[in-house]
């Protein structure tokens, strides 16, 4: 049986396949068009975490000038809106984050 690397060397893509397929848009392009910079957050805890707790604890870290807004999505899940668009990348790249000694996972919204 050939290795995967050997099989990949024999793979031939058409010109259309080489260009790729764009589905949706990336966060930065959406933000440039005026869309809000948003991310999803989930606190991995059995105890309930309130939106105000997330806004106060991480709003000052992620967006020190304008802060963040959180919308509860149930089960310690939140839709986080960054009031400073450029600060979303900090939240996504510089984790992990903790709130009340509980882990917060942050993921990009498409």
N, C-alpha and C. Protein backbone atom coordinates (compact mmCIF):
# COMPACT_ATOMS: atom_id res chain seq x y z
N UNK A 1 0.84 -1.18 0.00
CA UNK A 1 0.00 0.00 0.00
C UNK A 1 0.89 1.24 0.00
N UNK A 2 0.57 2.17 -0.89
CA UNK A 2 1.35 3.41 -0.97
C UNK A 2 1.05 4.31 0.23
N UNK A 3 2.03 5.09 0.57
CA UNK A 3 1.82 6.05 1.65
C UNK A 3 0.96 7.21 1.15
N UNK A 4 0.39 7.93 2.07
CA UNK A 4 -0.45 9.09 1.71
C UNK A 4 0.37 10.11 0.94
N UNK A 5 1.62 10.30 1.35
CA UNK A 5 2.48 11.27 0.66
C UNK A 5 2.69 10.87 -0.79
N UNK A 6 2.86 9.58 -1.03
CA UNK A 6 3.02 9.10 -2.40
C UNK A 6 1.77 9.32 -3.23
N UNK A 7 0.62 9.09 -2.63
CA UNK A 7 -0.64 9.31 -3.34
C UNK A 7 -0.85 10.79 -3.64
N UNK A 8 -0.46 11.66 -2.71
CA UNK A 8 -0.62 13.09 -2.92
C UNK A 8 0.24 13.60 -4.06
N UNK A 9 1.42 13.02 -4.26
CA UNK A 9 2.30 13.44 -5.34
C UNK A 9 1.68 13.18 -6.70
N UNK A 10 0.88 12.14 -6.79
CA UNK A 10 0.24 11.78 -8.05
C UNK A 10 -1.08 12.51 -8.29
N UNK A 11 -1.52 13.30 -7.34
CA UNK A 11 -2.79 14.01 -7.44
C UNK A 11 -2.66 15.17 -8.43
N UNK A 12 -3.59 15.24 -9.37
CA UNK A 12 -3.60 16.31 -10.37
C UNK A 12 -4.90 17.10 -10.22
N UNK A 13 -4.77 18.40 -9.98
CA UNK A 13 -5.93 19.27 -9.83
C UNK A 13 -6.18 20.06 -11.11
N UNK A 14 -7.46 20.29 -11.41
CA UNK A 14 -7.79 21.15 -12.55
C UNK A 14 -7.51 22.59 -12.16
N UNK A 15 -7.56 23.50 -13.14
CA UNK A 15 -7.34 24.92 -12.85
C UNK A 15 -8.40 25.45 -11.87
N UNK A 16 -9.65 25.03 -12.05
CA UNK A 16 -10.72 25.48 -11.15
C UNK A 16 -10.48 24.97 -9.73
N UNK A 17 -10.01 23.74 -9.60
CA UNK A 17 -9.74 23.19 -8.27
C UNK A 17 -8.55 23.89 -7.61
N UNK A 18 -7.58 24.29 -8.41
CA UNK A 18 -6.42 24.99 -7.86
C UNK A 18 -6.80 26.36 -7.30
N UNK A 19 -7.78 27.02 -7.92
CA UNK A 19 -8.23 28.32 -7.44
C UNK A 19 -8.97 28.18 -6.12
N UNK A 20 -9.59 27.06 -5.88
CA UNK A 20 -10.30 26.83 -4.63
C UNK A 20 -11.73 27.32 -4.69
N UNK A 21 -12.39 27.17 -3.59
CA UNK A 21 -13.79 27.55 -3.47
C UNK A 21 -13.95 28.38 -2.21
N UNK A 22 -14.54 29.56 -2.36
CA UNK A 22 -14.75 30.44 -1.21
C UNK A 22 -16.18 30.26 -0.72
N UNK A 23 -16.31 29.88 0.54
CA UNK A 23 -17.62 29.70 1.14
C UNK A 23 -17.75 30.71 2.26
N UNK A 24 -18.76 31.55 2.23
CA UNK A 24 -18.94 32.55 3.28
C UNK A 24 -17.87 33.62 3.18
N UNK A 25 -17.54 34.20 4.33
CA UNK A 25 -16.52 35.23 4.38
C UNK A 25 -15.74 35.08 5.68
N UNK A 26 -14.54 35.61 5.69
CA UNK A 26 -13.74 35.58 6.92
C UNK A 26 -14.15 36.71 7.81
N UNK A 27 -13.85 36.62 9.07
CA UNK A 27 -14.24 37.63 10.04
C UNK A 27 -13.73 39.01 9.70
N UNK A 28 -12.47 39.11 9.26
CA UNK A 28 -11.90 40.43 8.97
C UNK A 28 -12.59 41.11 7.80
N UNK A 29 -12.95 40.36 6.76
CA UNK A 29 -13.64 40.98 5.62
C UNK A 29 -15.03 41.43 6.03
N UNK A 30 -15.71 40.64 6.86
CA UNK A 30 -17.04 41.04 7.32
C UNK A 30 -16.95 42.30 8.17
N UNK A 31 -15.91 42.38 9.00
CA UNK A 31 -15.73 43.57 9.83
C UNK A 31 -15.43 44.78 8.96
N UNK A 32 -14.66 44.62 7.89
CA UNK A 32 -14.32 45.73 7.02
C UNK A 32 -15.56 46.26 6.31
N UNK A 33 -16.55 45.39 6.06
CA UNK A 33 -17.79 45.82 5.43
C UNK A 33 -18.75 46.46 6.43
N UNK A 34 -18.36 46.54 7.68
CA UNK A 34 -19.21 47.19 8.67
C UNK A 34 -19.93 46.23 9.58
N UNK A 35 -19.72 44.91 9.42
CA UNK A 35 -20.34 43.93 10.31
C UNK A 35 -19.66 43.95 11.67
N UNK A 36 -20.37 43.53 12.67
CA UNK A 36 -19.82 43.51 14.03
C UNK A 36 -18.79 42.40 14.18
N UNK A 37 -17.75 42.66 14.94
CA UNK A 37 -16.75 41.64 15.26
C UNK A 37 -17.33 40.80 16.40
N UNK A 38 -17.58 39.52 16.13
CA UNK A 38 -18.20 38.66 17.12
C UNK A 38 -17.47 37.33 17.25
N UNK A 39 -17.65 36.70 18.39
CA UNK A 39 -17.10 35.38 18.66
C UNK A 39 -18.07 34.65 19.58
N UNK A 40 -17.93 33.33 19.61
CA UNK A 40 -18.71 32.52 20.53
C UNK A 40 -17.83 32.15 21.71
N UNK A 41 -18.42 32.15 22.89
CA UNK A 41 -17.69 31.76 24.08
C UNK A 41 -18.48 30.74 24.87
N UNK A 42 -17.78 29.78 25.45
CA UNK A 42 -18.42 28.78 26.31
C UNK A 42 -17.57 28.61 27.55
N UNK A 43 -18.20 28.78 28.71
CA UNK A 43 -17.53 28.57 29.99
C UNK A 43 -17.73 27.11 30.36
N UNK A 44 -16.63 26.41 30.58
CA UNK A 44 -16.69 24.99 30.91
C UNK A 44 -16.83 24.85 32.42
N UNK A 45 -18.07 24.91 32.88
CA UNK A 45 -18.35 24.86 34.30
C UNK A 45 -19.76 24.33 34.53
N UNK A 46 -19.95 23.70 35.68
CA UNK A 46 -21.28 23.25 36.09
C UNK A 46 -22.10 24.42 36.64
N UNK A 47 -21.41 25.40 37.24
CA UNK A 47 -22.14 26.54 37.81
C UNK A 47 -22.44 27.57 36.72
N UNK A 48 -23.53 28.29 36.91
CA UNK A 48 -24.00 29.28 35.95
C UNK A 48 -23.13 30.53 36.01
N UNK A 49 -22.70 31.00 34.86
CA UNK A 49 -21.93 32.24 34.75
C UNK A 49 -22.83 33.28 34.06
N UNK A 50 -22.94 34.46 34.65
CA UNK A 50 -23.80 35.51 34.11
C UNK A 50 -23.06 36.33 33.06
N UNK A 51 -23.83 36.89 32.13
CA UNK A 51 -23.23 37.71 31.07
C UNK A 51 -22.47 38.89 31.64
N UNK A 52 -22.98 39.47 32.71
CA UNK A 52 -22.32 40.62 33.33
C UNK A 52 -20.92 40.24 33.82
N UNK A 53 -20.78 39.02 34.31
CA UNK A 53 -19.49 38.55 34.79
C UNK A 53 -18.48 38.48 33.64
N UNK A 54 -18.92 37.97 32.50
CA UNK A 54 -18.05 37.89 31.33
C UNK A 54 -17.69 39.30 30.85
N UNK A 55 -18.68 40.16 30.76
CA UNK A 55 -18.44 41.53 30.29
C UNK A 55 -17.46 42.27 31.18
N UNK A 56 -17.61 42.14 32.49
CA UNK A 56 -16.74 42.87 33.41
C UNK A 56 -15.34 42.26 33.47
N UNK A 57 -15.26 40.94 33.50
CA UNK A 57 -13.96 40.29 33.66
C UNK A 57 -13.09 40.40 32.41
N UNK A 58 -13.67 40.17 31.25
CA UNK A 58 -12.85 40.13 30.04
C UNK A 58 -13.00 41.36 29.16
N UNK A 59 -14.04 42.12 29.34
CA UNK A 59 -14.21 43.34 28.55
C UNK A 59 -13.05 44.30 28.72
N UNK A 60 -12.57 44.43 29.95
CA UNK A 60 -11.44 45.33 30.23
C UNK A 60 -10.13 44.79 29.66
N UNK A 61 -10.03 43.48 29.53
CA UNK A 61 -8.80 42.87 29.00
C UNK A 61 -8.82 42.92 27.47
N UNK A 62 -9.93 42.52 26.88
CA UNK A 62 -10.02 42.43 25.42
C UNK A 62 -10.20 43.80 24.77
N UNK A 63 -11.08 44.61 25.29
CA UNK A 63 -11.40 45.92 24.70
C UNK A 63 -11.38 46.97 25.81
N UNK A 64 -10.20 47.41 26.23
CA UNK A 64 -10.11 48.29 27.39
C UNK A 64 -10.81 49.64 27.22
N UNK A 65 -10.99 50.11 26.01
CA UNK A 65 -11.61 51.43 25.82
C UNK A 65 -13.13 51.33 25.79
N UNK A 66 -13.67 50.45 24.96
CA UNK A 66 -15.12 50.37 24.77
C UNK A 66 -15.77 49.15 25.40
N UNK A 67 -15.01 48.10 25.67
CA UNK A 67 -15.57 46.90 26.28
C UNK A 67 -16.19 45.94 25.28
N UNK A 68 -16.96 44.98 25.81
CA UNK A 68 -17.64 43.98 24.99
C UNK A 68 -19.10 43.91 25.42
N UNK A 69 -19.91 43.30 24.59
CA UNK A 69 -21.29 43.00 24.93
C UNK A 69 -21.48 41.49 24.80
N UNK A 70 -22.21 40.89 25.72
CA UNK A 70 -22.47 39.46 25.69
C UNK A 70 -23.97 39.21 25.61
N UNK A 71 -24.32 38.24 24.79
CA UNK A 71 -25.71 37.81 24.70
C UNK A 71 -25.73 36.34 25.12
N UNK A 72 -26.53 35.99 26.12
CA UNK A 72 -26.56 34.59 26.56
C UNK A 72 -27.22 33.69 25.52
N UNK A 73 -26.62 32.53 25.30
CA UNK A 73 -27.17 31.55 24.37
C UNK A 73 -27.56 30.26 25.10
N UNK A 74 -27.54 30.29 26.43
CA UNK A 74 -27.90 29.13 27.24
C UNK A 74 -26.71 28.23 27.53
N UNK A 75 -26.78 27.48 28.63
CA UNK A 75 -25.74 26.52 29.02
C UNK A 75 -24.34 27.13 29.04
N UNK A 76 -24.20 28.31 29.62
CA UNK A 76 -22.91 29.00 29.72
C UNK A 76 -22.28 29.30 28.36
N UNK A 77 -23.11 29.49 27.35
CA UNK A 77 -22.64 29.88 26.01
C UNK A 77 -23.03 31.33 25.78
N UNK A 78 -22.15 32.07 25.10
CA UNK A 78 -22.38 33.50 24.90
C UNK A 78 -21.99 33.90 23.49
N UNK A 79 -22.72 34.87 22.93
CA UNK A 79 -22.32 35.54 21.72
C UNK A 79 -21.65 36.83 22.18
N UNK A 80 -20.36 36.97 21.88
CA UNK A 80 -19.57 38.10 22.35
C UNK A 80 -19.39 39.08 21.20
N UNK A 81 -19.78 40.34 21.41
CA UNK A 81 -19.60 41.39 20.41
C UNK A 81 -18.51 42.32 20.91
N UNK A 82 -17.49 42.50 20.10
CA UNK A 82 -16.35 43.35 20.46
C UNK A 82 -16.64 44.77 19.99
N UNK A 83 -16.65 45.70 20.91
CA UNK A 83 -16.94 47.09 20.57
C UNK A 83 -15.72 47.80 19.99
N UNK A 84 -14.58 47.14 20.00
CA UNK A 84 -13.38 47.57 19.29
C UNK A 84 -13.04 46.42 18.35
N UNK A 85 -13.38 46.55 17.06
CA UNK A 85 -13.25 45.46 16.10
C UNK A 85 -11.87 44.82 16.08
N UNK A 86 -10.84 45.61 16.20
CA UNK A 86 -9.48 45.10 16.08
C UNK A 86 -9.08 44.20 17.25
N UNK A 87 -9.84 44.18 18.32
CA UNK A 87 -9.46 43.43 19.51
C UNK A 87 -9.96 41.98 19.51
N UNK A 88 -10.76 41.63 18.55
CA UNK A 88 -11.27 40.26 18.46
C UNK A 88 -10.12 39.26 18.34
N UNK A 89 -9.13 39.59 17.55
CA UNK A 89 -8.00 38.69 17.33
C UNK A 89 -7.29 38.37 18.65
N UNK A 90 -7.19 39.34 19.54
CA UNK A 90 -6.57 39.10 20.85
C UNK A 90 -7.33 38.01 21.60
N UNK A 91 -8.64 38.11 21.62
CA UNK A 91 -9.46 37.13 22.33
C UNK A 91 -9.31 35.73 21.74
N UNK A 92 -9.20 35.66 20.42
CA UNK A 92 -9.09 34.35 19.76
C UNK A 92 -7.70 33.75 19.88
N UNK A 93 -6.67 34.58 19.83
CA UNK A 93 -5.30 34.07 19.75
C UNK A 93 -4.56 33.95 21.08
N UNK A 94 -4.93 34.75 22.06
CA UNK A 94 -4.12 34.83 23.27
C UNK A 94 -4.68 34.06 24.46
N UNK A 95 -5.62 33.14 24.23
CA UNK A 95 -6.18 32.35 25.33
C UNK A 95 -5.20 31.33 25.83
N UNK A 96 -5.56 30.45 26.71
CA UNK A 96 -6.90 30.27 27.24
C UNK A 96 -7.27 31.34 28.26
N UNK A 97 -8.57 31.52 28.45
CA UNK A 97 -9.09 32.55 29.34
C UNK A 97 -9.81 31.91 30.51
N UNK A 98 -9.80 32.58 31.64
CA UNK A 98 -10.45 32.08 32.84
C UNK A 98 -11.44 33.13 33.37
N UNK A 99 -12.59 32.65 33.82
CA UNK A 99 -13.60 33.50 34.47
C UNK A 99 -14.03 32.78 35.74
N UNK A 100 -13.88 33.44 36.86
CA UNK A 100 -14.25 32.84 38.16
C UNK A 100 -13.62 31.46 38.32
N UNK A 101 -12.37 31.34 37.95
CA UNK A 101 -11.60 30.10 38.04
C UNK A 101 -12.14 28.99 37.16
N UNK A 102 -12.87 29.35 36.10
CA UNK A 102 -13.42 28.39 35.14
C UNK A 102 -12.87 28.72 33.77
N UNK A 103 -12.67 27.69 32.95
CA UNK A 103 -12.12 27.86 31.61
C UNK A 103 -13.16 28.41 30.64
N UNK A 104 -12.77 29.39 29.84
CA UNK A 104 -13.61 29.95 28.80
C UNK A 104 -12.98 29.63 27.45
N UNK A 105 -13.74 28.97 26.58
CA UNK A 105 -13.28 28.66 25.24
C UNK A 105 -13.92 29.68 24.30
N UNK A 106 -13.10 30.27 23.43
CA UNK A 106 -13.58 31.28 22.49
C UNK A 106 -13.35 30.79 21.06
N UNK A 107 -14.37 30.90 20.22
CA UNK A 107 -14.28 30.46 18.82
C UNK A 107 -14.82 31.56 17.91
N UNK A 108 -14.27 31.63 16.72
CA UNK A 108 -14.68 32.63 15.73
C UNK A 108 -16.09 32.33 15.21
N UNK A 109 -16.81 33.38 14.88
CA UNK A 109 -18.14 33.26 14.28
C UNK A 109 -18.00 33.51 12.80
N UNK A 110 -18.58 32.64 12.01
CA UNK A 110 -18.52 32.79 10.56
C UNK A 110 -19.72 33.57 10.09
